[in-house]
Structure formats: structure tokens, C-alpha cells
């Protein structure tokens, strides 16, 4: 997927954005050309999920919670393309808008 900016929310406040690069791996029987056209739908699903329940990493405000993100996108991607088409979802890299640590106290 093209990079997607996801919000990082801490104690109800927007504190950062992290741009994630995600790869959706299809099964060997999947029609790659057909599903490549659905890329905007995958990004939309990721953005919606990230704003509904932000993927804020519990101990680092410069990263997303990768297991939660991949699970949510795998579920949404399977709904978009149908069952048995998605092999895995992988976050290939993360680029925070700015580096920040958890506030003390």
C-alpha cells in the first residue's frame, strides 16, 4: 500500500502521526491484478480503523501497535477481497512525524 498517516492519541489528545508502510500478501490463488485495483479500499479501511481506535503503541508514541494494526487490516482486507485471498499483512516500516517519548507521571 501507499504510505498511510495514522494518528497517535495519548490520554485523549492527538500527539503524533506515524506514516506506516504496509504490505498485503495474497495467497498463490489470488488474482493480483484484480486486487491491486482495490488498493484505495485497503487504505481507506486502514485509515478508518486507525481513527476509530488509534493503534497507539502502549510504550512508544513514535510507533504504532503492529499486532493490533495487522490484525485489524487483515480482517478488513478479507472482507474487501473475500475469504481465503489474504495470506498475511506486514508493516514494512514506520516513520513518525516527530520523535516523542511518553510523558512522565
Protein backbone atom coordinates (compact mmCIF):
# COMPACT_ATOMS: atom_id res chain seq x y z
CA UNK A 1 0.00 0.00 0.00
CA UNK A 2 0.96 3.62 -0.35
CA UNK A 3 2.08 5.11 2.99
CA UNK A 4 -0.76 5.94 5.36
CA UNK A 5 -0.59 8.51 8.17
CA UNK A 6 -2.17 7.19 11.35
CA UNK A 7 -2.92 9.25 14.45
CA UNK A 8 -1.25 8.58 17.78
CA UNK A 9 -3.56 9.52 20.64
CA UNK A 10 -2.45 9.69 24.26
CA UNK A 11 -4.91 10.38 27.08
CA UNK A 12 -7.49 11.61 24.61
CA UNK A 13 -5.16 14.03 22.81
CA UNK A 14 -3.64 13.76 19.36
CA UNK A 15 0.12 13.83 19.96
CA UNK A 16 1.67 12.50 16.76
CA UNK A 17 1.19 10.89 13.36
CA UNK A 18 3.06 7.82 12.20
CA UNK A 19 3.31 7.06 8.50
CA UNK A 20 3.16 3.30 8.02
CA UNK A 21 4.15 1.29 5.00
CA UNK A 22 2.08 -1.88 4.79
CA UNK A 23 2.31 -4.88 2.50
CA UNK A 24 -0.67 -7.18 1.98
CA UNK A 25 0.49 -10.62 0.88
CA UNK A 26 -2.04 -12.57 -1.15
CA UNK A 27 -2.37 -16.32 -1.48
CA UNK A 28 -0.99 -18.03 -4.56
CA UNK A 29 -4.50 -18.47 -5.99
CA UNK A 30 -5.45 -14.80 -5.67
CA UNK A 31 -5.87 -12.59 -8.73
CA UNK A 32 -3.17 -9.98 -8.03
CA UNK A 33 -4.20 -7.59 -10.82
CA UNK A 34 -7.81 -7.57 -9.65
CA UNK A 35 -6.91 -6.91 -6.01
CA UNK A 36 -4.29 -4.29 -6.87
CA UNK A 37 -7.16 -2.14 -8.13
CA UNK A 38 -8.67 -2.36 -4.61
CA UNK A 39 -5.65 -0.63 -3.03
CA UNK A 40 -7.63 2.56 -2.24
CA UNK A 41 -10.20 0.43 -0.39
CA UNK A 42 -7.46 -1.16 1.73
CA UNK A 43 -6.00 2.27 2.60
CA UNK A 44 -9.47 3.61 3.41
CA UNK A 45 -10.14 0.66 5.72
CA UNK A 46 -6.81 1.23 7.47
CA UNK A 47 -7.43 4.96 7.93
CA UNK A 48 -10.94 4.37 9.25
CA UNK A 49 -9.75 1.71 11.71
CA UNK A 50 -6.86 3.92 12.84
CA UNK A 51 -9.17 6.84 13.58
CA UNK A 52 -11.88 4.69 15.20
CA UNK A 53 -9.45 3.08 17.66
CA UNK A 54 -5.94 4.51 17.26
CA UNK A 55 -3.13 1.98 17.03
CA UNK A 56 -1.12 3.81 19.69
CA UNK A 57 1.81 1.73 20.95
CA UNK A 58 1.47 1.39 24.73
CA UNK A 59 5.08 2.38 25.48
CA UNK A 60 6.20 4.49 22.48
CA UNK A 61 4.35 7.42 20.95
CA UNK A 62 6.56 7.26 17.84
CA UNK A 63 5.29 3.83 16.75
CA UNK A 64 2.05 2.05 16.07
CA UNK A 65 0.98 -1.16 17.78
CA UNK A 66 1.88 -3.51 14.91
CA UNK A 67 -0.01 -6.64 16.07
CA UNK A 68 -3.26 -4.68 16.50
CA UNK A 69 -2.81 -2.90 13.16
CA UNK A 70 -2.06 -6.07 11.20
CA UNK A 71 -4.96 -7.95 12.81
CA UNK A 72 -7.41 -5.14 12.02
CA UNK A 73 -6.23 -4.72 8.44
CA UNK A 74 -6.20 -8.48 7.80
CA UNK A 75 -9.82 -8.66 8.98
CA UNK A 76 -10.87 -5.66 6.86
CA UNK A 77 -8.89 -6.82 3.80
CA UNK A 78 -10.54 -10.24 3.96
CA UNK A 79 -13.92 -8.51 3.98
CA UNK A 80 -12.91 -6.50 0.88
CA UNK A 81 -11.49 -9.34 -1.22
CA UNK A 82 -13.27 -12.35 0.27
CA UNK A 83 -12.12 -15.27 2.40
CA UNK A 84 -9.00 -17.21 1.52
CA UNK A 85 -7.33 -14.45 -0.53
CA UNK A 86 -5.10 -12.80 2.10
CA UNK A 87 -2.03 -14.71 3.34
CA UNK A 88 -0.63 -12.02 5.66
CA UNK A 89 -0.35 -8.33 6.42
CA UNK A 90 3.10 -6.92 7.20
CA UNK A 91 4.14 -3.46 8.38
CA UNK A 92 7.36 -2.90 6.44
CA UNK A 93 8.33 0.40 8.06
CA UNK A 94 7.13 3.24 10.25
CA UNK A 95 8.07 6.90 10.03
CA UNK A 96 6.84 9.14 12.85
CA UNK A 97 6.18 12.78 12.09
CA UNK A 98 8.23 13.56 15.18
CA UNK A 99 10.03 11.53 17.82
CA UNK A 100 8.42 11.81 21.23
CA UNK A 101 8.51 9.74 24.39
CA UNK A 102 5.76 9.01 26.87
CA UNK A 103 5.30 11.88 29.32
CA UNK A 104 6.48 11.13 32.82
CA UNK A 105 3.93 10.83 35.56
